[in-house]
Structures are given as C-alpha cells and as structure tokens.
Protein backbone atom coordinates (compact mmCIF):
# COMPACT_ATOMS: atom_id res chain seq x y z
CA MET A 1 75.05 88.12 88.77
CA PRO A 2 77.64 86.90 86.74
CA HIS A 3 78.93 83.33 87.75
CA LEU A 4 82.51 83.77 89.32
CA PRO A 5 84.99 80.55 89.25
CA ASP A 6 85.95 78.67 92.20
CA VAL A 7 89.44 79.75 91.63
CA VAL A 8 91.09 77.63 93.99
CA LEU A 9 89.87 74.65 92.66
CA TRP A 10 90.98 75.79 89.19
CA SER A 11 94.14 76.63 90.67
CA ILE A 12 95.00 72.33 92.33
CA PRO A 13 97.12 71.54 89.48
CA ALA A 14 98.89 74.24 89.16
CA PHE A 15 99.22 74.33 92.85
CA VAL A 16 100.62 70.41 92.28
CA LEU A 17 103.10 71.21 89.33
CA LEU A 18 104.78 74.00 90.56
CA THR A 19 105.72 72.09 94.16
CA ALA A 20 106.82 69.26 92.10
CA LEU A 21 109.26 71.54 90.23
CA GLU A 22 110.30 73.40 93.41
CA LEU A 23 110.92 69.79 95.21
CA VAL A 24 112.64 68.42 91.68
CA SER A 25 114.78 72.04 91.40
CA TYR A 26 116.33 71.18 95.45
CA ARG A 27 117.15 67.39 94.09
CA LEU A 28 119.22 69.22 91.26
CA HIS A 29 120.20 72.16 92.69
CA PRO A 30 120.69 72.18 96.31
CA ASP A 31 120.91 74.96 98.44
CA ASP A 32 123.05 75.09 101.39
CA ARG A 33 121.47 77.97 103.15
CA SER A 34 118.21 76.50 102.39
CA GLU A 35 117.02 72.58 103.86
CA GLY A 36 114.30 72.68 101.20
CA TYR A 37 111.84 69.96 102.03
CA GLU A 38 111.31 67.62 104.64
CA ALA A 39 108.89 64.76 104.28
CA LYS A 40 106.96 64.85 107.99
CA ASP A 41 106.45 68.61 107.50
CA ALA A 42 105.42 68.89 103.61
CA ALA A 43 102.91 66.22 105.24
CA THR A 44 101.97 68.19 107.99
CA SER A 45 101.45 71.19 105.60
CA ILE A 46 99.45 69.18 103.46
CA GLY A 47 96.83 67.63 106.04
CA MET A 48 97.07 71.12 107.35
CA GLY A 49 95.32 72.64 103.80
CA LEU A 50 93.04 69.62 102.82
CA GLY A 51 91.61 69.91 106.56
CA SER A 52 90.94 74.01 105.99
CA LEU A 53 88.67 72.80 103.07
CA LEU A 54 86.57 70.89 105.41
CA PHE A 55 86.33 73.13 107.96
CA ASP A 56 85.67 76.45 106.12
CA ALA A 57 82.80 74.53 104.07
CA LEU A 58 81.57 74.13 107.60
CA TRP A 59 82.30 77.50 108.36
CA LYS A 60 80.94 79.16 105.14
CA ILE A 61 77.10 78.53 106.40
CA PRO A 62 76.71 80.95 109.52
CA ILE A 63 79.50 83.18 107.19
CA VAL A 64 77.21 83.44 104.14
CA ALA A 65 73.92 84.06 105.97
CA ILE A 66 75.73 86.94 108.44
CA TYR A 67 77.09 88.42 104.75
CA THR A 68 73.44 87.63 103.05
CA ALA A 69 71.31 89.46 105.69
CA LEU A 70 73.65 92.09 105.47
CA TYR A 71 73.96 92.44 101.99
CA GLU A 72 69.85 92.47 101.86
CA LEU A 73 70.00 95.55 104.21
CA THR A 74 72.01 97.81 102.43
CA PRO A 75 70.43 99.67 99.29
CA LEU A 76 73.88 99.86 98.08
CA ARG A 77 74.46 97.73 94.81
CA VAL A 78 77.97 97.07 93.27
CA PRO A 79 77.72 95.43 90.05
CA VAL A 80 79.97 92.68 88.60
CA LEU A 81 81.70 93.99 85.44
CA TRP A 82 85.07 94.04 83.54
CA TRP A 83 85.99 97.66 85.56
CA THR A 84 84.19 96.84 89.03
CA LEU A 85 86.09 93.48 89.76
CA PRO A 86 89.63 94.99 89.51
CA LEU A 87 87.69 97.46 91.93
CA MET A 88 86.51 94.74 94.10
CA LEU A 89 89.87 93.21 94.29
CA LEU A 90 92.24 96.08 95.64
CA ALA A 91 89.34 96.58 97.97
CA GLN A 92 89.41 93.19 99.16
CA ASP A 93 93.14 93.25 99.51
CA PHE A 94 93.28 96.28 101.64
CA PHE A 95 90.62 94.76 103.86
CA TYR A 96 93.34 91.24 104.05
CA TYR A 97 95.48 93.52 105.23
CA TRP A 98 94.35 94.87 108.29
CA SER A 99 92.90 91.65 108.63
CA HIS A 100 96.28 89.85 108.83
CA ARG A 101 97.40 92.41 110.82
CA GLY A 102 94.87 91.78 113.29
CA HIS A 103 95.79 88.58 113.27
CA HIS A 104 99.25 89.11 114.54
CA VAL A 105 98.81 91.48 117.46
CA VAL A 106 95.32 90.00 118.73
CA ARG A 107 96.72 86.74 120.41
CA ILE A 108 92.80 85.29 119.90
CA LEU A 109 93.14 86.07 116.58
CA TRP A 110 96.57 84.36 116.36
CA ALA A 111 96.07 81.22 117.52
CA CYS A 112 94.11 80.85 114.37
CA HIS A 113 96.61 82.06 112.04
CA VAL A 114 99.64 80.67 114.03
CA VAL A 115 98.58 77.75 112.13
CA HIS A 116 99.78 79.09 108.69
CA HIS A 117 103.36 80.18 110.48
CA SER A 118 103.96 76.84 112.48
CA SER A 119 106.58 75.40 110.01
CA ARG A 120 110.25 75.88 110.37
CA LYS A 121 110.75 75.33 106.60
CA PHE A 122 109.71 77.67 103.92
CA ASN A 123 108.53 76.26 100.27
CA LEU A 124 105.22 75.67 98.62
CA THR A 125 103.62 73.39 100.92
CA THR A 126 104.11 76.06 103.50
CA ALA A 127 101.63 78.08 101.57
CA LEU A 128 99.38 75.24 102.24
CA ARG A 129 99.31 75.25 105.71
CA GLN A 130 96.10 77.01 106.66
CA PRO A 131 94.52 76.97 109.76
CA TRP A 132 90.79 75.46 110.60
CA THR A 133 89.13 78.08 112.40
CA THR A 134 88.89 80.71 110.19
CA LEU A 135 85.51 82.06 111.48
CA THR A 136 87.75 84.99 112.51
CA VAL A 137 88.58 86.46 109.73
CA TRP A 138 84.69 87.30 107.91
CA PRO A 139 84.21 90.78 110.19
CA PHE A 140 87.24 92.35 108.19
CA TYR A 141 85.09 91.76 105.06
CA VAL A 142 81.99 93.51 106.43
CA PRO A 143 82.34 96.91 104.74
CA MET A 144 82.34 95.45 101.41
CA VAL A 145 79.14 93.58 101.83
CA LEU A 146 77.53 96.77 103.17
CA ALA A 147 79.23 98.73 100.56
CA GLY A 148 76.97 95.96 98.05
CA VAL A 149 79.65 94.37 97.42
CA HIS A 150 77.70 90.56 96.47
CA PRO A 151 78.98 87.75 99.07
CA ALA A 152 79.84 85.91 96.04
CA ALA A 153 82.26 88.42 94.85
CA VAL A 154 83.66 88.83 98.17
CA ALA A 155 84.65 85.20 98.37
CA PHE A 156 85.62 85.17 95.19
CA CYS A 157 88.31 88.07 95.33
CA SER A 158 89.31 86.12 98.92
CA SER A 159 90.02 83.26 96.67
CA ALA A 160 92.12 84.84 94.23
CA ASN A 161 93.99 86.76 96.77
CA LEU A 162 95.14 83.26 98.49
CA VAL A 163 96.16 82.09 95.29
CA TYR A 164 97.75 84.55 94.58
CA GLN A 165 100.46 83.97 97.73
CA PHE A 166 100.64 80.48 96.98
CA TRP A 167 103.47 81.55 94.62
CA VAL A 168 105.39 83.90 97.48
CA HIS A 169 105.89 80.96 99.36
CA THR A 170 109.43 80.05 98.13
CA GLU A 171 112.80 80.33 98.98
CA ARG A 172 113.59 79.40 94.82
CA VAL A 173 112.62 82.86 93.47
CA GLY A 174 115.46 85.62 94.62
CA ARG A 175 114.66 89.49 94.33
CA LEU A 176 112.51 90.42 91.30
CA PRO A 177 113.13 93.76 88.97
CA ARG A 178 112.63 96.72 91.37
CA PRO A 179 108.99 97.87 89.58
CA PHE A 180 107.47 94.49 91.13
CA GLU A 181 109.06 94.37 94.63
CA TYR A 182 107.75 98.08 95.32
CA VAL A 183 103.94 96.99 94.27
CA LEU A 184 103.49 93.70 94.66
CA ASN A 185 104.34 91.05 97.30
CA THR A 186 106.60 88.76 96.54
CA PRO A 187 108.74 85.81 97.80
CA SER A 188 111.40 88.22 98.92
CA HIS A 189 109.23 90.08 100.87
CA HIS A 190 106.74 87.21 101.94
CA ARG A 191 109.99 85.28 103.53
CA VAL A 192 110.20 88.36 105.94
CA HIS A 193 107.14 88.03 106.78
CA HIS A 194 107.51 84.05 107.66
CA ALA A 195 111.04 85.01 109.60
CA SER A 196 110.98 84.63 113.47
CA GLN A 197 113.85 87.52 113.57
CA GLY A 198 112.72 89.91 116.12
CA GLY A 199 113.35 92.98 113.53
CA TYR A 200 111.11 90.88 111.17
CA LEU A 201 108.45 90.05 113.21
CA ASP A 202 105.08 91.11 112.32
CA ARG A 203 105.59 92.53 108.97
CA ASN A 204 105.15 92.54 105.47
CA PHE A 205 101.36 91.69 105.98
CA GLY A 206 100.05 92.22 102.30
CA GLY A 207 98.44 89.70 100.44
CA ILE A 208 98.66 90.52 96.49
CA LEU A 209 99.83 94.01 96.86
CA ILE A 210 102.86 95.62 99.21
CA VAL A 211 101.63 99.01 98.92
CA TRP A 212 99.55 99.09 101.74
CA ASP A 213 102.93 97.99 104.55
CA ARG A 214 104.51 100.96 102.64
CA MET A 215 101.64 103.22 103.23
CA PHE A 216 100.50 101.87 107.15
CA GLY A 217 104.56 101.50 108.43
CA SER A 218 104.40 97.92 108.35
CA PHE A 219 106.74 96.91 105.93
CA VAL A 220 110.32 96.04 106.09
CA PRO A 221 112.81 94.90 103.38
CA GLU A 222 114.55 91.16 103.34
CA GLY A 223 118.15 91.71 104.74
CA GLU A 224 119.74 89.34 106.56
CA ARG A 225 118.46 85.27 105.63
CA PRO A 226 114.83 84.84 107.76
CA VAL A 227 114.72 82.08 110.13
CA TYR A 228 111.13 80.52 110.14
CA GLY A 229 108.68 79.42 111.96
CA LEU A 230 107.94 80.64 115.73
CA THR A 231 109.60 82.58 118.74
CA LYS A 232 109.07 79.57 120.67
CA ASN A 233 108.32 76.62 117.85
CA ILE A 234 106.07 73.97 118.68
CA HIS A 235 107.79 70.66 117.59
CA THR A 236 104.95 68.27 116.38
CA TYR A 237 103.59 67.03 113.38
CA ASN A 238 100.58 65.94 115.00
CA PRO A 239 97.86 67.87 112.83
CA LEU A 240 95.47 68.30 115.72
CA ARG A 241 97.82 69.81 117.91
CA VAL A 242 98.92 72.16 114.91
CA ALA A 243 95.56 73.83 114.48
CA THR A 244 94.75 73.86 118.15
CA HIS A 245 97.68 74.53 120.22
CA GLU A 246 97.59 78.20 121.05
CA TYR A 247 93.96 77.96 121.59
CA VAL A 248 95.01 75.48 124.56
CA ALA A 249 98.23 77.83 125.65
CA ILE A 250 95.27 81.00 125.82
CA GLY A 251 92.92 78.36 128.29
CA ARG A 252 95.65 77.70 130.42
CA ASP A 253 96.91 81.29 130.41
CA VAL A 254 92.96 82.19 130.87
CA LYS A 255 92.88 79.34 134.22
CA ALA A 256 96.21 80.65 135.92
CA ALA A 257 95.17 84.54 135.79
CA ARG A 258 95.39 86.70 138.93
CA SER A 259 92.61 89.27 137.55
CA TRP A 260 89.98 89.61 134.69
CA ARG A 261 92.61 92.31 133.21
CA GLU A 262 94.94 90.15 133.21
CA ARG A 263 92.55 87.26 132.01
CA PHE A 264 91.52 90.03 128.77
CA GLY A 265 95.10 90.98 127.88
CA ARG A 266 95.74 86.64 128.07
CA VAL A 267 93.25 86.58 125.25
CA PHE A 268 92.74 90.57 123.26
CA ARG A 269 96.41 91.76 123.80
CA GLY A 270 99.18 90.86 121.69
CA PRO A 271 100.68 87.53 121.71
CA GLY A 272 103.67 87.78 123.94
CA TRP A 273 101.72 89.86 126.38
CA GLN A 274 102.28 89.52 129.99
CA PRO A 275 101.13 91.10 132.87
CA GLY A 276 103.10 93.62 134.52
CA ARG A 277 105.69 94.25 131.44
CA PRO A 278 106.00 97.59 130.25
CA ALA A 279 106.68 96.00 126.44
CA GLU A 280 105.27 93.39 124.59
CA GLU A 281 107.73 89.98 124.00
CA ARG A 282 106.54 90.21 120.24
CA THR A 283 107.90 93.33 118.72
CA THR A 284 104.99 95.16 117.43
CA PRO A 285 105.50 97.50 113.65
CA ALA A 286 105.96 101.16 115.01
CA ALA A 287 108.29 99.27 117.46
CA VAL A 288 110.76 98.09 115.09
CA PRO A 289 113.04 100.21 112.93
CA GLU A 290 112.86 100.24 109.80
CA ARG A 291 115.97 97.66 107.61
CA VAL A 292 118.08 99.03 105.22
CA ALA A 293 118.46 96.58 102.03
C-alpha cells in the first residue's frame, strides 16, 4: 500500500494562519451580529484540540487492532489508486454522515460529541474543540474495512474529512454560489448545525458533502441568525468538565432512575428523553418542518 500523508499534521500551519487572519479581521472589521473571539473560550477550544491528539493516540491502539483483524478476515481488497481514492473519500463521507447523525440522537454517543457543540462562539477555534472519547466512532467505518479498504486508507480519509471541516466554522464567509451550497458542506450550512434553536437542532450532519442531508431529510438552509451553544449551556472553561460533563449527567440520571426501562432510555434514547413524555425535548430531524431560505 502506498504511503499516505498525515493530512492533519500537514494542515496545522494553515490552521494557525487562517485563525490569525480571522482574528485580525474581527479587529479591523467588527461585526455587530457576532462577538467574534473571547479569550477564555478560544483557549478552551485549543486545549480541547490538543487533548484530543493525546487521547486519540491512545484510542488508536485498540481501534487499529480491531480494524486490522477485520481486514485480515475479509478476502476483499481495494487498492489505493488515483481513481479509487476519491471513491474511498466518498464512502467515508457517507459513513461519517451516519456517525455524526448517530452521535446527535443517541445520548451515550452525544456525550462524546457534545464537546464540539459546547462553545457559544462560532469561529475557527471552535473547529478545534474536539472530544477526548472518540472510541464511539470506529464502528461506523467497519463496512469500509470489510469491503477491503485498508485501515490506513480509512484513517487518511477520516483525517481529510476533518481537515475540510475546519474552514466551515466561521461567520466571516457568507453564502457561496448556489452550485457549491447545493453540493458541499459550507459555513452557511454548518452554522445551522451548531445552532441551538429548535428548528435548527439535529440538522446538516454532512462532513464534506451536504447531499447526504438532502437525500435523507436532515437538511435545513440558513434563515434566522443562529444562536450557538447547547440548549442547556454548561458555563465552564475547565477542559476536563467540558470533556466529561454529559457522562457525569448520564451517570446521575441512571442512578436516579426507577426502572431498567428508564435506565436504558437515559443511556440509549435521545439527549432530551424523559420517561413518560410522548415526545423528546430535543427535536429530531423527522419532526422539524424544513425552513425556507
């Protein structure tokens, strides 16, 4: 298999440069609709990103072992060639969509992903606010490995997807020309994804492409200005609390539960699930009427 570069490592200089340019742009041209940067928030996001590099290196050990075992079991092999790599990226983006969607609608998975949504700011440092418990992500890419994609190629595609998403975390880019907005995940689409309003919740899960959201009914265009953060914000800059607060909440709810049905619901139902309620507090994609741009 050909050597594939570490795209995240190679992209770090670009991350730093773009963040600096965005910060300067707010200083030179303030936006009354956006608060731009806040020092403690940005520092927390950067700290979470640095911590994620350490923890991802630890989680990589068992995940690589599982992927390697599955890869050896399957007789299928997909070579890494100029024409197969785009297909791998397409497949990874498809499974990323379902992983991302799953991490919004299953509470124990949300406990991992909630970290990324915990900032009430939306700037390029928000892209760096990554979880430390990504051990919940690997099962979604098992089909690629079983189809014969080498684990290293899966990792490369995942890294490329992550790098692409860095630039969509900004309010300094408006809507792009319609063909781009129709096919790609853009800042406009991702602002909706990070919004906490009911009509925007659990929408626009795409990584590189937005077509999956259009196909599977989870797309909403940007209309009213998004309000960022969580439906119940955590009011802390402590990285450890940011990383673990939802797991702590799950443990507290499970301890207080009165039945095994409630315990199961507290872990595996939606983040806003309450026993005895006919509808969940968090709005699911199927329950929200599509907005008109």
